[in-house]
Protein backbone atom coordinates (compact mmCIF):
# COMPACT_ATOMS: atom_id res chain seq x y z
CA MET A 1 -245.77 -160.90 -21.77
CA SER A 2 -242.85 -158.47 -21.81
CA GLU A 3 -243.16 -157.72 -25.52
CA SER A 4 -242.92 -154.52 -27.46
CA GLN A 5 -243.26 -153.51 -31.08
CA ALA A 6 -239.45 -153.59 -31.23
CA ASP A 7 -239.57 -157.39 -30.86
CA CYS A 8 -241.49 -157.63 -34.13
CA ARG A 9 -238.75 -156.11 -36.29
CA ARG A 10 -237.86 -158.96 -38.62
CA LEU A 11 -234.59 -157.72 -40.11
CA PRO A 12 -232.45 -157.76 -36.94
CA PHE A 13 -233.70 -161.26 -36.10
CA VAL A 14 -233.03 -162.54 -39.63
CA ILE A 15 -229.53 -161.06 -39.62
CA ALA A 16 -228.80 -162.62 -36.21
CA VAL A 17 -229.90 -166.07 -37.46
CA LEU A 18 -227.88 -165.66 -40.67
CA ILE A 19 -224.80 -164.79 -38.60
CA ALA A 20 -225.40 -167.94 -36.51
CA VAL A 21 -225.66 -170.07 -39.65
CA LEU A 22 -222.53 -168.51 -41.15
CA LEU A 23 -220.56 -169.12 -37.94
CA VAL A 24 -221.55 -172.79 -37.83
CA ALA A 25 -221.03 -173.27 -41.57
CA SER A 26 -217.59 -171.66 -41.45
CA ALA A 27 -216.63 -173.96 -38.57
CA VAL A 28 -217.74 -177.02 -40.51
CA LEU A 29 -216.58 -176.09 -44.02
CA ALA A 30 -213.41 -174.08 -43.35
CA PRO A 31 -210.03 -175.78 -43.78
CA GLN A 32 -208.89 -177.35 -40.52
CA VAL A 33 -205.67 -175.43 -39.92
CA PRO A 34 -204.23 -174.24 -36.61
CA LEU A 35 -204.41 -170.50 -35.95
CA LEU A 36 -202.53 -168.42 -33.37
CA GLY A 37 -201.11 -171.54 -31.79
CA LEU A 38 -204.52 -173.10 -31.16
CA ASP A 39 -205.72 -176.36 -32.66
CA ALA A 40 -208.30 -176.07 -35.46
CA ALA A 41 -210.72 -178.15 -33.38
CA HIS A 42 -210.83 -175.41 -30.72
CA TRP A 43 -211.56 -172.72 -33.30
CA SER A 44 -214.30 -174.88 -34.77
CA ARG A 45 -215.84 -175.43 -31.35
CA ALA A 46 -215.77 -171.71 -30.57
CA LEU A 47 -217.49 -170.86 -33.86
CA ILE A 48 -220.09 -173.62 -33.49
CA PHE A 49 -220.95 -172.52 -29.96
CA ALA A 50 -221.02 -168.87 -31.03
CA GLY A 51 -223.72 -169.77 -33.55
CA SER A 52 -225.44 -171.98 -31.00
CA GLY A 53 -225.30 -169.16 -28.45
CA ILE A 54 -227.14 -166.83 -30.82
CA LEU A 55 -229.82 -169.45 -31.45
CA ALA A 56 -230.13 -170.25 -27.72
CA LEU A 57 -230.75 -166.60 -26.85
CA ALA A 58 -233.30 -166.30 -29.66
CA TYR A 59 -234.98 -169.53 -28.50
CA VAL A 60 -235.42 -168.39 -24.90
CA ASP A 61 -236.59 -164.99 -26.11
CA ALA A 62 -239.41 -166.82 -27.91
CA PHE A 63 -240.96 -167.67 -24.52
CA ARG A 64 -241.19 -163.94 -23.81
CA SER A 65 -242.24 -162.55 -27.18
CA ARG A 66 -245.00 -163.75 -29.51
CA CYS A 67 -243.28 -162.22 -32.54
CA ILE A 68 -239.97 -163.94 -31.83
CA ARG A 69 -241.87 -167.19 -31.21
CA VAL A 70 -243.33 -166.92 -34.72
CA TYR A 71 -239.85 -166.26 -36.14
CA MET A 72 -238.39 -169.25 -34.28
CA THR A 73 -241.31 -171.43 -35.43
CA ILE A 74 -240.20 -170.71 -38.99
CA THR A 75 -236.45 -170.82 -38.29
CA LEU A 76 -236.19 -174.14 -36.42
CA PRO A 77 -237.72 -176.35 -39.17
CA ILE A 78 -235.63 -174.57 -41.82
CA LEU A 79 -232.47 -175.25 -39.82
CA ALA A 80 -233.52 -178.89 -39.31
CA LEU A 81 -234.01 -179.30 -43.05
CA ALA A 82 -230.65 -177.63 -43.70
CA CYS A 83 -229.00 -180.19 -41.41
CA VAL A 84 -230.37 -183.21 -43.28
CA ALA A 85 -230.53 -181.79 -46.84
CA PRO A 86 -226.91 -182.71 -47.71
CA LEU A 87 -227.61 -186.30 -46.65
CA ALA A 88 -230.50 -186.68 -49.11
CA ALA A 89 -228.10 -187.02 -52.06
CA THR A 90 -225.85 -189.46 -50.22
CA GLU A 91 -226.49 -193.17 -49.92
CA ARG A 92 -227.04 -194.37 -46.39
CA ALA A 93 -224.07 -196.76 -46.64
CA ALA A 94 -221.81 -193.73 -47.14
CA TRP A 95 -223.01 -191.94 -44.02
CA GLY A 96 -220.43 -191.61 -41.30
CA ALA A 97 -220.18 -190.11 -37.82
CA ALA A 98 -220.69 -186.59 -39.20
CA ALA A 99 -223.98 -187.65 -40.80
CA SER A 100 -225.22 -188.98 -37.46
CA LEU A 101 -224.36 -185.65 -35.82
CA TRP A 102 -226.36 -183.73 -38.43
CA ILE A 103 -229.34 -186.06 -38.05
CA ASN A 104 -229.18 -185.68 -34.27
CA ALA A 105 -229.00 -181.89 -34.66
CA ALA A 106 -232.12 -181.94 -36.86
CA ILE A 107 -233.97 -184.09 -34.31
CA VAL A 108 -232.97 -181.73 -31.48
CA LEU A 109 -234.19 -178.71 -33.45
CA VAL A 110 -237.58 -180.32 -34.06
CA LEU A 111 -237.85 -181.34 -30.38
CA LEU A 112 -237.02 -177.78 -29.33
CA LEU A 113 -239.82 -176.52 -31.55
CA VAL A 114 -242.28 -178.99 -30.02
CA PHE A 115 -241.14 -178.08 -26.50
CA LEU A 116 -241.50 -174.36 -27.24
CA HIS A 117 -245.14 -174.68 -28.22
CA PHE A 118 -246.27 -177.27 -25.70
CA SER A 119 -244.49 -175.60 -22.78
CA LEU A 120 -246.49 -172.42 -23.33
CA HIS A 121 -249.50 -174.28 -21.94
CA THR A 122 -247.64 -175.83 -18.99
CA MET A 123 -245.23 -173.12 -17.83
CA PRO A 124 -246.48 -170.69 -15.21
CA SER A 125 -247.63 -167.52 -16.92
CA ASP A 126 -246.07 -165.44 -14.12
CA TRP A 127 -242.67 -166.81 -15.09
CA ARG A 128 -243.13 -165.97 -18.76
CA GLN A 129 -244.53 -162.52 -18.01
CA GLY A 130 -241.55 -161.82 -15.76
CA LEU A 131 -239.08 -162.39 -18.58
CA THR A 132 -237.31 -159.32 -19.94
CA PRO A 133 -234.75 -159.20 -22.76
CA ALA A 134 -231.96 -159.24 -20.14
CA ARG A 135 -233.41 -162.17 -18.19
CA SER A 136 -234.08 -164.18 -21.32
CA ALA A 137 -230.47 -163.52 -22.39
CA LEU A 138 -229.21 -164.98 -19.10
CA PHE A 139 -231.42 -168.06 -19.53
CA GLY A 140 -230.23 -168.38 -23.13
CA ILE A 141 -226.60 -168.31 -22.03
CA ALA A 142 -227.40 -170.93 -19.39
CA LEU A 143 -229.03 -173.10 -22.07
CA ALA A 144 -225.96 -172.81 -24.33
CA VAL A 145 -223.61 -173.57 -21.41
CA GLY A 146 -225.70 -176.63 -20.51
CA ALA A 147 -225.45 -177.84 -24.12
CA ALA A 148 -221.67 -177.32 -24.11
CA LEU A 149 -221.25 -179.24 -20.85
CA TYR A 150 -223.45 -182.06 -22.12
CA TRP A 151 -221.48 -182.19 -25.37
CA GLU A 152 -218.17 -182.34 -23.54
CA PHE A 153 -218.98 -184.76 -20.75
CA ARG A 154 -221.78 -186.93 -22.16
CA GLY A 155 -222.11 -186.27 -25.87
CA GLY A 156 -219.57 -186.13 -28.66
CA GLY A 157 -216.71 -184.38 -26.89
CA ALA A 158 -213.17 -185.65 -27.13
CA ALA A 159 -212.04 -188.22 -24.60
CA ALA A 160 -209.14 -186.03 -23.43
CA VAL A 161 -208.61 -185.92 -19.69
CA ASP A 162 -207.86 -182.19 -19.62
CA LYS A 163 -211.04 -180.44 -20.74
CA THR A 164 -209.92 -176.93 -19.82
CA LEU A 165 -209.08 -175.72 -23.32
CA PRO A 166 -212.16 -177.24 -25.04
CA LEU A 167 -214.47 -175.77 -22.39
CA ALA A 168 -212.71 -172.40 -22.65
CA ALA A 169 -213.27 -172.46 -26.43
CA ASP A 170 -216.94 -173.25 -25.81
CA ALA A 171 -217.25 -170.41 -23.29
CA VAL A 172 -215.59 -167.88 -25.62
CA GLY A 173 -217.90 -168.98 -28.43
CA ILE A 174 -221.04 -168.71 -26.29
CA LEU A 175 -220.08 -165.24 -25.03
CA LEU A 176 -219.29 -164.13 -28.59
CA GLY A 177 -222.66 -165.44 -29.78
CA ALA A 178 -224.46 -163.72 -26.90
CA ALA A 179 -222.70 -160.43 -27.66
CA LEU A 180 -223.58 -160.67 -31.37
CA PHE A 181 -227.23 -161.44 -30.62
CA TRP A 182 -227.38 -158.56 -28.16
CA LEU A 183 -225.88 -156.18 -30.72
CA MET A 184 -228.38 -157.21 -33.37
CA MET A 185 -231.37 -157.02 -30.99
CA ARG A 186 -230.31 -154.05 -28.85
CA HIS A 187 -233.13 -151.92 -30.26
CA ARG A 188 -235.48 -153.77 -27.86
CA LEU A 189 -233.85 -152.20 -24.81
CA ARG A 190 -235.34 -148.78 -25.49
CA TYR A 191 -238.82 -150.27 -25.29
CA ALA A 192 -238.28 -153.00 -22.66
CA ALA A 193 -240.74 -152.96 -19.82
């Protein structure tokens, strides 16, 4: 596997995940006000997909690096619990559409964890050994883009006919997330095979 001792540095990974959580939390909890002529929904989408972009890059990197796989094995269940924890104090009758989204997010996180570990036995080892930090970043961006397209066209996206602005907000968010993850994990490049 294309792994170095630089992959095992915990602090940059933890900071990257905390940034992702803060981006998503700020999108969800911040007051919904327009900014710079753009609707608040577009800013929220950009922030959510920036956080998702960071997590997607970290997730794909886990196929390449054993250390990052261990970190993601800890991170994904914690994030799943964080998604459903606020619902524990709320009666089920009071749950709305937002509660269903958080439950679905928790389920997806657990399924991603299961897929990560079971796929290690089914994926060709040549493919995993050929991954580098740069290649895993490209696959991570592709994963985040796929999630954004699914959200917009099949999932919970708005029913608006013109999807240009929402998709542009998603793209900006994903690229911002990728850039932030790259900045936090750039120390790996000096040691990449």
